């Protein structure tokens, strides 16, 4: 739950998740308006949120090094971790077929 709150506290992450959710809603709609997305789309979206909250070896290493760095470099570490998470979400979206119509 803490990871989810952290995700929602980052303005850029919320914006990207909102755009992703809108993409789902537009795909599931009939062209005139929005309809409730099917369960498969909801499961894919929940998987993407899960991928964003998951930590990996690289993120854990950066977090371990962070207290030993200057304030400027700590900010760079935070940005790098966010990028790693976005890459993980992108890869999962690509593997699940969510990006087939986009790319």
PDB file of N, CA and C in Angstrom:
ATOM      1  N   UNK A   1       0.826  -1.191   0.000  1.00  0.00           N
ATOM      2  CA  UNK A   1       0.000   0.000   0.000  1.00  0.00           C
ATOM      3  C   UNK A   1       0.869   1.252   0.000  1.00  0.00           C
ATOM      4  N   UNK A   2       2.004   1.184   0.702  1.00  0.00           N
ATOM      5  CA  UNK A   2       2.920   2.316   0.743  1.00  0.00           C
ATOM      6  C   UNK A   2       3.479   2.640  -0.632  1.00  0.00           C
ATOM      7  N   UNK A   3       3.772   1.610  -1.417  1.00  0.00           N
ATOM      8  CA  UNK A   3       4.265   1.814  -2.777  1.00  0.00           C
ATOM      9  C   UNK A   3       3.199   2.488  -3.635  1.00  0.00           C
ATOM     10  N   UNK A   4       1.958   2.081  -3.435  1.00  0.00           N
ATOM     11  CA  UNK A   4       0.863   2.664  -4.193  1.00  0.00           C
ATOM     12  C   UNK A   4       0.704   4.140  -3.840  1.00  0.00           C
ATOM     13  N   UNK A   5       0.810   4.462  -2.553  1.00  0.00           N
ATOM     14  CA  UNK A   5       0.718   5.857  -2.123  1.00  0.00           C
ATOM     15  C   UNK A   5       1.879   6.668  -2.684  1.00  0.00           C
ATOM     16  N   UNK A   6       3.065   6.058  -2.720  1.00  0.00           N
ATOM     17  CA  UNK A   6       4.233   6.729  -3.280  1.00  0.00           C
ATOM     18  C   UNK A   6       4.014   7.003  -4.764  1.00  0.00           C
ATOM     19  N   UNK A   7       3.453   6.023  -5.455  1.00  0.00           N
ATOM     20  CA  UNK A   7       3.159   6.173  -6.875  1.00  0.00           C
ATOM     21  C   UNK A   7       2.181   7.314  -7.103  1.00  0.00           C
ATOM     22  N   UNK A   8       1.148   7.387  -6.276  1.00  0.00           N
ATOM     23  CA  UNK A   8       0.145   8.429  -6.442  1.00  0.00           C
ATOM     24  C   UNK A   8       0.632   9.803  -6.009  1.00  0.00           C
ATOM     25  N   UNK A   9       1.699   9.852  -5.231  1.00  0.00           N
ATOM     26  CA  UNK A   9       2.218  11.148  -4.809  1.00  0.00           C
ATOM     27  C   UNK A   9       3.096  11.782  -5.884  1.00  0.00           C
ATOM     28  N   UNK A  10       3.522  10.994  -6.873  1.00  0.00           N
ATOM     29  CA  UNK A  10       4.344  11.510  -7.954  1.00  0.00           C
ATOM     30  C   UNK A  10       3.444  11.979  -9.085  1.00  0.00           C
ATOM     31  N   UNK A  11       3.470  13.264  -9.375  1.00  0.00           N
ATOM     32  CA  UNK A  11       2.566  13.864 -10.349  1.00  0.00           C
ATOM     33  C   UNK A  11       2.739  13.259 -11.742  1.00  0.00           C
ATOM     34  N   UNK A  12       3.962  13.041 -12.168  1.00  0.00           N
ATOM     35  CA  UNK A  12       4.219  12.485 -13.500  1.00  0.00           C
ATOM     36  C   UNK A  12       3.694  11.055 -13.616  1.00  0.00           C
ATOM     37  N   UNK A  13       3.864  10.263 -12.574  1.00  0.00           N
ATOM     38  CA  UNK A  13       3.372   8.884 -12.589  1.00  0.00           C
ATOM     39  C   UNK A  13       1.852   8.840 -12.666  1.00  0.00           C
ATOM     40  N   UNK A  14       1.201   9.703 -11.917  1.00  0.00           N
ATOM     41  CA  UNK A  14      -0.263   9.762 -11.943  1.00  0.00           C
ATOM     42  C   UNK A  14      -0.736  10.159 -13.341  1.00  0.00           C
ATOM     43  N   UNK A  15      -0.057  11.104 -13.940  1.00  0.00           N
ATOM     44  CA  UNK A  15      -0.423  11.548 -15.292  1.00  0.00           C
ATOM     45  C   UNK A  15      -0.308  10.386 -16.276  1.00  0.00           C
ATOM     46  N   UNK A  16       0.769   9.627 -16.182  1.00  0.00           N
ATOM     47  CA  UNK A  16       0.972   8.505 -17.102  1.00  0.00           C
ATOM     48  C   UNK A  16      -0.048   7.399 -16.873  1.00  0.00           C
ATOM     49  N   UNK A  17      -0.361   7.110 -15.626  1.00  0.00           N
ATOM     50  CA  UNK A  17      -1.371   6.096 -15.342  1.00  0.00           C
ATOM     51  C   UNK A  17      -2.755   6.545 -15.814  1.00  0.00           C
ATOM     52  N   UNK A  18      -3.041   7.826 -15.682  1.00  0.00           N
ATOM     53  CA  UNK A  18      -4.312   8.360 -16.154  1.00  0.00           C
ATOM     54  C   UNK A  18      -4.426   8.225 -17.666  1.00  0.00           C
ATOM     55  N   UNK A  19      -3.333   8.550 -18.371  1.00  0.00           N
ATOM     56  CA  UNK A  19      -3.343   8.410 -19.825  1.00  0.00           C
ATOM     57  C   UNK A  19      -3.523   6.956 -20.229  1.00  0.00           C
ATOM     58  N   UNK A  20      -2.889   6.059 -19.506  1.00  0.00           N
ATOM     59  CA  UNK A  20      -3.020   4.640 -19.799  1.00  0.00           C
ATOM     60  C   UNK A  20      -4.457   4.167 -19.567  1.00  0.00           C
ATOM     61  N   UNK A  21      -5.056   4.597 -18.486  1.00  0.00           N
ATOM     62  CA  UNK A  21      -6.442   4.226 -18.200  1.00  0.00           C
ATOM     63  C   UNK A  21      -7.382   4.782 -19.265  1.00  0.00           C
ATOM     64  N   UNK A  22      -7.127   6.008 -19.719  1.00  0.00           N
ATOM     65  CA  UNK A  22      -7.956   6.591 -20.768  1.00  0.00           C
ATOM     66  C   UNK A  22      -7.825   5.803 -22.065  1.00  0.00           C
ATOM     67  N   UNK A  23      -6.623   5.319 -22.334  1.00  0.00           N
ATOM     68  CA  UNK A  23      -6.414   4.505 -23.523  1.00  0.00           C
ATOM     69  C   UNK A  23      -7.279   3.245 -23.452  1.00  0.00           C
ATOM     70  N   UNK A  24      -7.319   2.601 -22.276  1.00  0.00           N
ATOM     71  CA  UNK A  24      -8.156   1.421 -22.102  1.00  0.00           C
ATOM     72  C   UNK A  24      -9.624   1.759 -22.324  1.00  0.00           C
ATOM     73  N   UNK A  25     -10.053   2.850 -21.754  1.00  0.00           N
ATOM     74  CA  UNK A  25     -11.455   3.231 -21.855  1.00  0.00           C
ATOM     75  C   UNK A  25     -11.825   3.525 -23.305  1.00  0.00           C
ATOM     76  N   UNK A  26     -10.939   4.176 -24.047  1.00  0.00           N
ATOM     77  CA  UNK A  26     -11.222   4.489 -25.443  1.00  0.00           C
ATOM     78  C   UNK A  26     -11.275   3.224 -26.291  1.00  0.00           C
ATOM     79  N   UNK A  27     -10.395   2.256 -26.007  1.00  0.00           N
ATOM     80  CA  UNK A  27     -10.392   1.014 -26.767  1.00  0.00           C
ATOM     81  C   UNK A  27     -11.644   0.195 -26.507  1.00  0.00           C
ATOM     82  N   UNK A  28     -12.145   0.241 -25.285  1.00  0.00           N
ATOM     83  CA  UNK A  28     -13.308  -0.578 -24.952  1.00  0.00           C
ATOM     84  C   UNK A  28     -14.624   0.101 -25.304  1.00  0.00           C
ATOM     85  N   UNK A  29     -14.574   1.377 -25.636  1.00  0.00           N
ATOM     86  CA  UNK A  29     -15.793   2.105 -25.973  1.00  0.00           C
ATOM     87  C   UNK A  29     -16.261   1.779 -27.371  1.00  0.00           C
ATOM     88  N   UNK A  30     -17.411   2.277 -27.710  1.00  0.00           N
ATOM     89  CA  UNK A  30     -17.980   1.998 -29.025  1.00  0.00           C
ATOM     90  C   UNK A  30     -17.773   3.155 -29.992  1.00  0.00           C
ATOM     91  N   UNK A  31     -16.904   4.072 -29.651  1.00  0.00           N
ATOM     92  CA  UNK A  31     -16.618   5.193 -30.520  1.00  0.00           C
ATOM     93  C   UNK A  31     -17.422   6.428 -30.152  1.00  0.00           C
ATOM     94  N   UNK A  32     -18.592   6.251 -29.561  1.00  0.00           N
ATOM     95  CA  UNK A  32     -19.434   7.383 -29.201  1.00  0.00           C
ATOM     96  C   UNK A  32     -19.186   7.841 -27.780  1.00  0.00           C
ATOM     97  N   UNK A  33     -18.840   6.946 -26.936  1.00  0.00           N
ATOM     98  CA  UNK A  33     -18.628   7.280 -25.535  1.00  0.00           C
ATOM     99  C   UNK A  33     -17.796   6.199 -24.904  1.00  0.00           C
ATOM    100  N   UNK A  34     -17.764   6.211 -23.627  1.00  0.00           N
ATOM    101  CA  UNK A  34     -16.975   5.219 -22.914  1.00  0.00           C
ATOM    102  C   UNK A  34     -17.886   4.165 -22.339  1.00  0.00           C
ATOM    103  N   UNK A  35     -17.351   2.951 -22.305  1.00  0.00           N
ATOM    104  CA  UNK A  35     -18.099   1.875 -21.657  1.00  0.00           C
ATOM    105  C   UNK A  35     -17.183   1.216 -20.648  1.00  0.00           C
ATOM    106  N   UNK A  36     -17.717   0.336 -19.883  1.00  0.00           N
ATOM    107  CA  UNK A  36     -16.929  -0.359 -18.881  1.00  0.00           C
ATOM    108  C   UNK A  36     -15.960  -1.294 -19.587  1.00  0.00           C
ATOM    109  N   UNK A  37     -14.660  -1.222 -19.254  1.00  0.00           N
ATOM    110  CA  UNK A  37     -13.697  -2.103 -19.925  1.00  0.00           C
ATOM    111  C   UNK A  37     -13.932  -3.551 -19.530  1.00  0.00           C
ATOM    112  N   UNK A  38     -13.569  -4.457 -20.407  1.00  0.00           N
ATOM    113  CA  UNK A  38     -13.738  -5.873 -20.095  1.00  0.00           C
ATOM    114  C   UNK A  38     -12.746  -6.296 -19.019  1.00  0.00           C
ATOM    115  N   UNK A  39     -12.984  -7.463 -18.448  1.00  0.00           N
ATOM    116  CA  UNK A  39     -12.174  -7.928 -17.322  1.00  0.00           C
ATOM    117  C   UNK A  39     -10.717  -8.139 -17.723  1.00  0.00           C
ATOM    118  N   UNK A  40     -10.494  -8.513 -18.967  1.00  0.00           N
ATOM    119  CA  UNK A  40      -9.117  -8.717 -19.437  1.00  0.00           C
ATOM    120  C   UNK A  40      -8.329  -7.406 -19.400  1.00  0.00           C
ATOM    121  N   UNK A  41      -8.944  -6.324 -19.820  1.00  0.00           N
ATOM    122  CA  UNK A  41      -8.284  -5.020 -19.782  1.00  0.00           C
ATOM    123  C   UNK A  41      -7.999  -4.587 -18.356  1.00  0.00           C
ATOM    124  N   UNK A  42      -8.943  -4.845 -17.470  1.00  0.00           N
ATOM    125  CA  UNK A  42      -8.745  -4.487 -16.063  1.00  0.00           C
ATOM    126  C   UNK A  42      -7.589  -5.286 -15.482  1.00  0.00           C
ATOM    127  N   UNK A  43      -7.504  -6.560 -15.809  1.00  0.00           N
ATOM    128  CA  UNK A  43      -6.410  -7.395 -15.309  1.00  0.00           C
ATOM    129  C   UNK A  43      -5.065  -6.916 -15.849  1.00  0.00           C
ATOM    130  N   UNK A  44      -5.040  -6.516 -17.098  1.00  0.00           N
ATOM    131  CA  UNK A  44      -3.798  -6.001 -17.683  1.00  0.00           C
ATOM    132  C   UNK A  44      -3.375  -4.715 -16.990  1.00  0.00           C
ATOM    133  N   UNK A  45      -4.350  -3.854 -16.734  1.00  0.00           N
ATOM    134  CA  UNK A  45      -4.048  -2.598 -16.053  1.00  0.00           C
ATOM    135  C   UNK A  45      -3.545  -2.843 -14.640  1.00  0.00           C
ATOM    136  N   UNK A  46      -4.155  -3.772 -13.927  1.00  0.00           N
ATOM    137  CA  UNK A  46      -3.697  -4.069 -12.571  1.00  0.00           C
ATOM    138  C   UNK A  46      -2.303  -4.677 -12.604  1.00  0.00           C
ATOM    139  N   UNK A  47      -1.997  -5.436 -13.637  1.00  0.00           N
ATOM    140  CA  UNK A  47      -0.644  -5.974 -13.790  1.00  0.00           C
ATOM    141  C   UNK A  47       0.381  -4.876 -14.004  1.00  0.00           C
ATOM    142  N   UNK A  48      -0.012  -3.846 -14.740  1.00  0.00           N
ATOM    143  CA  UNK A  48       0.900  -2.723 -14.968  1.00  0.00           C
ATOM    144  C   UNK A  48       1.162  -1.958 -13.673  1.00  0.00           C
ATOM    145  N   UNK A  49       0.124  -1.766 -12.888  1.00  0.00           N
ATOM    146  CA  UNK A  49       0.300  -1.094 -11.597  1.00  0.00           C
ATOM    147  C   UNK A  49       1.210  -1.940 -10.703  1.00  0.00           C
ATOM    148  N   UNK A  50       1.013  -3.254 -10.757  1.00  0.00           N
ATOM    149  CA  UNK A  50       1.869  -4.150  -9.986  1.00  0.00           C
ATOM    150  C   UNK A  50       3.311  -4.074 -10.433  1.00  0.00           C
ATOM    151  N   UNK A  51       3.548  -3.972 -11.743  1.00  0.00           N
ATOM    152  CA  UNK A  51       4.910  -3.867 -12.256  1.00  0.00           C
ATOM    153  C   UNK A  51       5.557  -2.569 -11.793  1.00  0.00           C
ATOM    154  N   UNK A  52       4.766  -1.518 -11.691  1.00  0.00           N
ATOM    155  CA  UNK A  52       5.318  -0.241 -11.254  1.00  0.00           C
ATOM    156  C   UNK A  52       5.728  -0.283  -9.785  1.00  0.00           C
ATOM    157  N   UNK A  53       5.006  -1.035  -8.986  1.00  0.00           N
ATOM    158  CA  UNK A  53       5.299  -1.075  -7.556  1.00  0.00           C
ATOM    159  C   UNK A  53       6.342  -2.125  -7.206  1.00  0.00           C
ATOM    160  N   UNK A  54       6.678  -2.976  -8.164  1.00  0.00           N
ATOM    161  CA  UNK A  54       7.653  -4.029  -7.912  1.00  0.00           C
ATOM    162  C   UNK A  54       9.069  -3.448  -7.919  1.00  0.00           C
ATOM    163  N   UNK A  55       9.901  -3.936  -7.021  1.00  0.00           N
ATOM    164  CA  UNK A  55      11.293  -3.497  -7.022  1.00  0.00           C
ATOM    165  C   UNK A  55      12.142  -4.568  -7.693  1.00  0.00           C
ATOM    166  N   UNK A  56      13.285  -4.144  -8.209  1.00  0.00           N
ATOM    167  CA  UNK A  56      14.195  -5.082  -8.838  1.00  0.00           C
ATOM    168  C   UNK A  56      15.590  -4.894  -8.237  1.00  0.00           C
ATOM    169  N   UNK A  57      16.532  -5.699  -8.684  1.00  0.00           N
ATOM    170  CA  UNK A  57      17.885  -5.646  -8.130  1.00  0.00           C
ATOM    171  C   UNK A  57      18.533  -4.283  -8.339  1.00  0.00           C
ATOM    172  N   UNK A  58      18.323  -3.706  -9.503  1.00  0.00           N
ATOM    173  CA  UNK A  58      18.950  -2.417  -9.807  1.00  0.00           C
ATOM    174  C   UNK A  58      18.397  -1.300  -8.917  1.00  0.00           C
ATOM    175  N   UNK A  59      17.101  -1.299  -8.734  1.00  0.00           N
ATOM    176  CA  UNK A  59      16.485  -0.287  -7.863  1.00  0.00           C
ATOM    177  C   UNK A  59      16.944  -0.457  -6.419  1.00  0.00           C
ATOM    178  N   UNK A  60      17.005  -1.699  -5.974  1.00  0.00           N
ATOM    179  CA  UNK A  60      17.444  -1.960  -4.601  1.00  0.00           C
ATOM    180  C   UNK A  60      18.884  -1.509  -4.382  1.00  0.00           C
ATOM    181  N   UNK A  61      19.742  -1.730  -5.389  1.00  0.00           N
ATOM    182  CA  UNK A  61      21.135  -1.277  -5.282  1.00  0.00           C
ATOM    183  C   UNK A  61      21.196   0.238  -5.200  1.00  0.00           C
ATOM    184  N   UNK A  62      20.455   0.918  -6.052  1.00  0.00           N
ATOM    185  CA  UNK A  62      20.452   2.376  -6.025  1.00  0.00           C
ATOM    186  C   UNK A  62      19.935   2.911  -4.693  1.00  0.00           C
ATOM    187  N   UNK A  63      18.893   2.277  -4.173  1.00  0.00           N
ATOM    188  CA  UNK A  63      18.362   2.708  -2.874  1.00  0.00           C
ATOM    189  C   UNK A  63      19.356   2.471  -1.746  1.00  0.00           C
ATOM    190  N   UNK A  64      20.133   1.401  -1.849  1.00  0.00           N
ATOM    191  CA  UNK A  64      21.148   1.130  -0.823  1.00  0.00           C
ATOM    192  C   UNK A  64      22.280   2.157  -0.872  1.00  0.00           C
ATOM    193  N   UNK A  65      22.605   2.626  -2.055  1.00  0.00           N
ATOM    194  CA  UNK A  65      23.682   3.605  -2.213  1.00  0.00           C
ATOM    195  C   UNK A  65      23.241   5.031  -1.891  1.00  0.00           C
ATOM    196  N   UNK A  66      21.966   5.281  -2.008  1.00  0.00           N
ATOM    197  CA  UNK A  66      21.428   6.637  -1.886  1.00  0.00           C
ATOM    198  C   UNK A  66      21.852   7.388  -0.625  1.00  0.00           C
ATOM    199  N   UNK A  67      21.831   6.784   0.577  1.00  0.00           N
ATOM    200  CA  UNK A  67      22.219   7.553   1.777  1.00  0.00           C
ATOM    201  C   UNK A  67      23.682   8.005   1.765  1.00  0.00           C
ATOM    202  N   UNK A  68      24.484   7.408   0.932  1.00  0.00           N
ATOM    203  CA  UNK A  68      25.904   7.738   0.887  1.00  0.00           C
ATOM    204  C   UNK A  68      26.241   8.769  -0.182  1.00  0.00           C
ATOM    205  N   UNK A  69      25.243   9.312  -0.819  1.00  0.00           N
ATOM    206  CA  UNK A  69      25.447  10.263  -1.908  1.00  0.00           C
ATOM    207  C   UNK A  69      25.043  11.673  -1.489  1.00  0.00           C
ATOM    208  N   UNK A  70      25.520  12.636  -2.274  1.00  0.00           N
ATOM    209  CA  UNK A  70      25.139  14.023  -2.023  1.00  0.00           C
ATOM    210  C   UNK A  70      23.660  14.212  -2.362  1.00  0.00           C
ATOM    211  N   UNK A  71      23.108  15.329  -1.923  1.00  0.00           N
ATOM    212  CA  UNK A  71      21.683  15.604  -2.158  1.00  0.00           C
ATOM    213  C   UNK A  71      21.370  15.635  -3.653  1.00  0.00           C
ATOM    214  N   UNK A  72      22.257  16.223  -4.433  1.00  0.00           N
ATOM    215  CA  UNK A  72      22.045  16.294  -5.884  1.00  0.00           C
ATOM    216  C   UNK A  72      22.006  14.898  -6.499  1.00  0.00           C
ATOM    217  N   UNK A  73      22.909  14.053  -6.088  1.00  0.00           N
ATOM    218  CA  UNK A  73      22.948  12.693  -6.633  1.00  0.00           C
ATOM    219  C   UNK A  73      21.796  11.838  -6.108  1.00  0.00           C
ATOM    220  N   UNK A  74      21.322  12.135  -4.902  1.00  0.00           N
ATOM    221  CA  UNK A  74      20.154  11.419  -4.390  1.00  0.00           C
ATOM    222  C   UNK A  74      18.933  11.700  -5.262  1.00  0.00           C
ATOM    223  N   UNK A  75      18.802  12.934  -5.732  1.00  0.00           N
ATOM    224  CA  UNK A  75      17.702  13.269  -6.631  1.00  0.00           C
ATOM    225  C   UNK A  75      17.840  12.523  -7.954  1.00  0.00           C
ATOM    226  N   UNK A  76      19.066  12.372  -8.422  1.00  0.00           N
ATOM    227  CA  UNK A  76      19.298  11.628  -9.663  1.00  0.00           C
ATOM    228  C   UNK A  76      18.948  10.150  -9.477  1.00  0.00           C
ATOM    229  N   UNK A  77      19.240   9.624  -8.301  1.00  0.00           N
ATOM    230  CA  UNK A  77      18.883   8.241  -8.001  1.00  0.00           C
ATOM    231  C   UNK A  77      17.365   8.077  -8.036  1.00  0.00           C
ATOM    232  N   UNK A  78      16.648   9.017  -7.451  1.00  0.00           N
ATOM    233  CA  UNK A  78      15.178   8.956  -7.470  1.00  0.00           C
ATOM    234  C   UNK A  78      14.648   8.947  -8.901  1.00  0.00           C
ATOM    235  N   UNK A  79      15.206   9.796  -9.749  1.00  0.00           N
ATOM    236  CA  UNK A  79      14.783   9.841 -11.151  1.00  0.00           C
ATOM    237  C   UNK A  79      15.126   8.539 -11.867  1.00  0.00           C
ATOM    238  N   UNK A  80      16.294   7.990 -11.582  1.00  0.00           N
ATOM    239  CA  UNK A  80      16.705   6.737 -12.219  1.00  0.00           C
ATOM    240  C   UNK A  80      15.769   5.594 -11.825  1.00  0.00           C
ATOM    241  N   UNK A  81      15.373   5.560 -10.571  1.00  0.00           N
ATOM    242  CA  UNK A  81      14.453   4.511 -10.103  1.00  0.00           C
ATOM    243  C   UNK A  81      13.096   4.651 -10.790  1.00  0.00           C
ATOM    244  N   UNK A  82      12.623   5.873 -10.929  1.00  0.00           N
ATOM    245  CA  UNK A  82      11.356   6.096 -11.633  1.00  0.00           C
ATOM    246  C   UNK A  82      11.454   5.637 -13.083  1.00  0.00           C
ATOM    247  N   UNK A  83      12.583   5.918 -13.719  1.00  0.00           N
ATOM    248  CA  UNK A  83      12.771   5.471 -15.097  1.00  0.00           C
ATOM    249  C   UNK A  83      12.800   3.950 -15.192  1.00  0.00           C
ATOM    250  N   UNK A  84      13.465   3.301 -14.247  1.00  0.00           N
ATOM    251  CA  UNK A  84      13.498   1.838 -14.240  1.00  0.00           C
ATOM    252  C   UNK A  84      12.088   1.270 -14.104  1.00  0.00           C
ATOM    253  N   UNK A  85      11.285   1.888 -13.268  1.00  0.00           N
ATOM    254  CA  UNK A  85       9.906   1.423 -13.093  1.00  0.00           C
ATOM    255  C   UNK A  85       9.083   1.647 -14.353  1.00  0.00           C
ATOM    256  N   UNK A  86       9.267   2.794 -14.988  1.00  0.00           N
ATOM    257  CA  UNK A  86       8.531   3.065 -16.224  1.00  0.00           C
ATOM    258  C   UNK A  86       8.931   2.090 -17.329  1.00  0.00           C
ATOM    259  N   UNK A  87      10.208   1.736 -17.392  1.00  0.00           N
ATOM    260  CA  UNK A  87      10.670   0.756 -18.371  1.00  0.00           C
ATOM    261  C   UNK A  87      10.031  -0.599 -18.096  1.00  0.00           C
ATOM    262  N   UNK A  88       9.921  -0.968 -16.833  1.00  0.00           N
ATOM    263  CA  UNK A  88       9.284  -2.243 -16.478  1.00  0.00           C
ATOM    264  C   UNK A  88       7.823  -2.247 -16.890  1.00  0.00           C
ATOM    265  N   UNK A  89       7.126  -1.136 -16.669  1.00  0.00           N
ATOM    266  CA  UNK A  89       5.720  -1.035 -17.060  1.00  0.00           C
ATOM    267  C   UNK A  89       5.601  -1.090 -18.576  1.00  0.00           C
ATOM    268  N   UNK A  90       6.480  -0.386 -19.268  1.00  0.00           N
ATOM    269  CA  UNK A  90       6.467  -0.394 -20.738  1.00  0.00           C
ATOM    270  C   UNK A  90       6.656  -1.821 -21.263  1.00  0.00           C
ATOM    271  N   UNK A  91       7.639  -2.524 -20.731  1.00  0.00           N
ATOM    272  CA  UNK A  91       7.898  -3.893 -21.175  1.00  0.00           C
ATOM    273  C   UNK A  91       6.702  -4.799 -20.915  1.00  0.00           C
ATOM    274  N   UNK A  92       6.077  -4.655 -19.753  1.00  0.00           N
ATOM    275  CA  UNK A  92       4.914  -5.488 -19.439  1.00  0.00           C
ATOM    276  C   UNK A  92       3.751  -5.150 -20.370  1.00  0.00           C
ATOM    277  N   UNK A  93       3.537  -3.859 -20.643  1.00  0.00           N
ATOM    278  CA  UNK A  93       2.462  -3.455 -21.548  1.00  0.00           C
ATOM    279  C   UNK A  93       2.717  -3.985 -22.954  1.00  0.00           C
ATOM    280  N   UNK A  94       3.952  -3.958 -23.367  1.00  0.00           N
ATOM    281  CA  UNK A  94       4.315  -4.459 -24.697  1.00  0.00           C
ATOM    282  C   UNK A  94       4.096  -5.967 -24.780  1.00  0.00           C
ATOM    283  N   UNK A  95       4.523  -6.693 -23.749  1.00  0.00           N
ATOM    284  CA  UNK A  95       4.366  -8.151 -23.726  1.00  0.00           C
ATOM    285  C   UNK A  95       2.894  -8.566 -23.668  1.00  0.00           C
ATOM    286  N   UNK A  96       2.071  -7.782 -22.996  1.00  0.00           N
ATOM    287  CA  UNK A  96       0.662  -8.142 -22.854  1.00  0.00           C
ATOM    288  C   UNK A  96      -0.161  -7.790 -24.083  1.00  0.00           C
ATOM    289  N   UNK A  97       0.431  -7.068 -25.009  1.00  0.00           N
ATOM    290  CA  UNK A  97      -0.274  -6.718 -26.236  1.00  0.00           C
ATOM    291  C   UNK A  97      -1.026  -5.403 -26.161  1.00  0.00           C
ATOM    292  N   UNK A  98      -0.889  -4.681 -25.076  1.00  0.00           N
ATOM    293  CA  UNK A  98      -1.607  -3.413 -24.933  1.00  0.00           C
ATOM    294  C   UNK A  98      -1.111  -2.351 -25.910  1.00  0.00           C
ATOM    295  N   UNK A  99       0.120  -2.500 -26.364  1.00  0.00           N
ATOM    296  CA  UNK A  99       0.711  -1.490 -27.239  1.00  0.00           C
ATOM    297  C   UNK A  99       0.653  -1.876 -28.703  1.00  0.00           C
ATOM    298  N   UNK A 100      -0.015  -2.983 -29.026  1.00  0.00           N
ATOM    299  CA  UNK A 100      -0.058  -3.459 -30.404  1.00  0.00           C
ATOM    300  C   UNK A 100      -0.659  -2.426 -31.363  1.00  0.00           C
ATOM    301  N   UNK A 101      -1.666  -1.717 -30.915  1.00  0.00           N
ATOM    302  CA  UNK A 101      -2.315  -0.722 -31.777  1.00  0.00           C
ATOM    303  C   UNK A 101      -1.586   0.607 -31.811  1.00  0.00           C
ATOM    304  N   UNK A 102      -0.636   0.783 -30.900  1.00  0.00           N
ATOM    305  CA  UNK A 102       0.065   2.063 -30.788  1.00  0.00           C
ATOM    306  C   UNK A 102       1.381   2.041 -31.548  1.00  0.00           C
ATOM    307  N   UNK A 103       2.128   0.946 -31.357  1.00  0.00           N
ATOM    308  CA  UNK A 103       3.452   0.879 -32.008  1.00  0.00           C
ATOM    309  C   UNK A 103       3.486  -0.186 -33.066  1.00  0.00           C
TER     310      UNK A 103
END
